[in-house]
C-alpha atoms as a PDB file:
ATOM      1  CA  MET A   1     113.557  79.393 100.482  1.00  0.00           C
ATOM      2  CA  GLU A   2     115.077  76.589  98.616  1.00  0.00           C
ATOM      3  CA  ALA A   3     115.946  76.949  95.072  1.00  0.00           C
ATOM      4  CA  ASN A   4     113.386  74.491  93.908  1.00  0.00           C
ATOM      5  CA  TRP A   5     110.651  76.809  94.459  1.00  0.00           C
ATOM      6  CA  ILE A   6     108.419  78.310  91.664  1.00  0.00           C
ATOM      7  CA  LYS A   7     106.178  81.296  91.372  1.00  0.00           C
ATOM      8  CA  VAL A   8     102.680  80.536  90.834  1.00  0.00           C
ATOM      9  CA  LEU A   9     100.949  84.164  91.397  1.00  0.00           C
ATOM     10  CA  GLU A  10     102.348  87.496  90.865  1.00  0.00           C
ATOM     11  CA  THR A  11      99.945  90.497  91.986  1.00  0.00           C
ATOM     12  CA  GLU A  12     100.007  94.075  92.773  1.00  0.00           C
ATOM     13  CA  ASP A  13      97.717  93.530  95.805  1.00  0.00           C
ATOM     14  CA  LEU A  14      99.457  92.320  98.817  1.00  0.00           C
ATOM     15  CA  ILE A  15      96.028  91.404 100.348  1.00  0.00           C
ATOM     16  CA  LYS A  16      95.483  89.123  97.296  1.00  0.00           C
ATOM     17  CA  ALA A  17      98.725  87.535  97.886  1.00  0.00           C
ATOM     18  CA  LYS A  18      98.075  86.682 101.530  1.00  0.00           C
ATOM     19  CA  LEU A  19      94.565  85.372 100.458  1.00  0.00           C
ATOM     20  CA  ALA A  20      96.396  82.953  98.003  1.00  0.00           C
ATOM     21  CA  LYS A  21      98.846  81.697 100.709  1.00  0.00           C
ATOM     22  CA  ASN A  22      96.077  81.339 103.215  1.00  0.00           C
ATOM     23  CA  ALA A  23      94.220  79.273 100.655  1.00  0.00           C
ATOM     24  CA  LEU A  24      97.371  77.180  99.860  1.00  0.00           C
ATOM     25  CA  LYS A  25      97.922  76.446 103.606  1.00  0.00           C
ATOM     26  CA  ALA A  26      94.478  75.435 103.871  1.00  0.00           C
ATOM     27  CA  ASN A  27      95.215  72.731 101.068  1.00  0.00           C
ATOM     28  CA  GLN A  28      98.607  71.761 102.983  1.00  0.00           C
ATOM     29  CA  ILE A  29     100.729  73.513 100.249  1.00  0.00           C
ATOM     30  CA  GLU A  30     103.512  75.426 101.661  1.00  0.00           C
ATOM     31  CA  SER A  31     103.977  78.884 100.126  1.00  0.00           C
ATOM     32  CA  ALA A  32     105.860  82.089 100.596  1.00  0.00           C
ATOM     33  CA  ILE A  33     105.078  85.592  99.606  1.00  0.00           C
ATOM     34  CA  ILE A  34     108.072  87.702  98.076  1.00  0.00           C
ATOM     35  CA  ASP A  35     107.080  91.368  98.750  1.00  0.00           C
ATOM     36  CA  LYS A  36     108.735  93.444  95.799  1.00  0.00           C
ATOM     37  CA  GLN A  37     106.571  96.626  96.450  1.00  0.00           C
ATOM     38  CA  ASP A  38     108.479  99.920  97.046  1.00  0.00           C
ATOM     39  CA  SER A  39     108.447 100.532 100.670  1.00  0.00           C
ATOM     40  CA  ALA A  40     107.943 104.146  99.976  1.00  0.00           C
ATOM     41  CA  TYR A  41     105.164 103.863  97.466  1.00  0.00           C
ATOM     42  CA  VAL A  42     103.130 100.936  98.240  1.00  0.00           C
ATOM     43  CA  VAL A  43     101.300 101.129  94.791  1.00  0.00           C
ATOM     44  CA  LEU A  44     104.597 100.553  92.911  1.00  0.00           C
ATOM     45  CA  GLY A  45     105.784  96.966  92.670  1.00  0.00           C
ATOM     46  CA  PHE A  46     104.083  93.654  93.152  1.00  0.00           C
ATOM     47  CA  ALA A  47     104.127  90.623  95.347  1.00  0.00           C
ATOM     48  CA  GLU A  48     104.843  86.970  94.309  1.00  0.00           C
ATOM     49  CA  VAL A  49     103.438  83.753  95.778  1.00  0.00           C
ATOM     50  CA  CYS A  50     105.857  80.875  95.285  1.00  0.00           C
ATOM     51  CA  VAL A  51     105.345  77.169  96.153  1.00  0.00           C
ATOM     52  CA  PRO A  52     107.756  74.142  95.913  1.00  0.00           C
ATOM     53  CA  GLU A  53     108.219  73.025  92.366  1.00  0.00           C
ATOM     54  CA  ILE A  54     106.713  69.670  92.787  1.00  0.00           C
ATOM     55  CA  LYS A  55     103.359  71.474  94.143  1.00  0.00           C
ATOM     56  CA  ALA A  56     103.153  74.013  91.510  1.00  0.00           C
ATOM     57  CA  GLU A  57     100.562  72.048  89.616  1.00  0.00           C
ATOM     58  CA  ALA A  58      98.515  71.570  92.720  1.00  0.00           C
ATOM     59  CA  ALA A  59      98.790  75.057  93.752  1.00  0.00           C
ATOM     60  CA  THR A  60      97.669  76.559  90.530  1.00  0.00           C
ATOM     61  CA  ALA A  61      94.670  74.365  90.771  1.00  0.00           C
ATOM     62  CA  VAL A  62      93.559  75.695  94.262  1.00  0.00           C
ATOM     63  CA  LEU A  63      94.156  79.387  93.012  1.00  0.00           C
ATOM     64  CA  LYS A  64      91.923  78.856  90.021  1.00  0.00           C
ATOM     65  CA  GLU A  65      89.382  77.237  92.301  1.00  0.00           C
ATOM     66  CA  GLN A  66      89.319  79.970  94.670  1.00  0.00           C
ATOM     67  CA  ASP A  67      89.141  82.785  91.724  1.00  0.00           C
ATOM     68  CA  LEU A  68      92.782  84.027  92.809  1.00  0.00           C
ATOM     69  CA  PHE A  69      94.583  83.013  89.726  1.00  0.00           C
END
């Protein structure tokens, strides 16, 4: 992942992060999930959805439209 990416969503629910990634992909916005959940205790930690900084505003709009933000 390049240095100019920015976090647009942080959630404790990995499924929500994957739904966000799919919504962004459907709108031609590249994204990545950074899973920061504890591997032993999945309920601890969170996942981040990141996009290129130049796409952050569009990504935020998509996530709000899909009620994922």
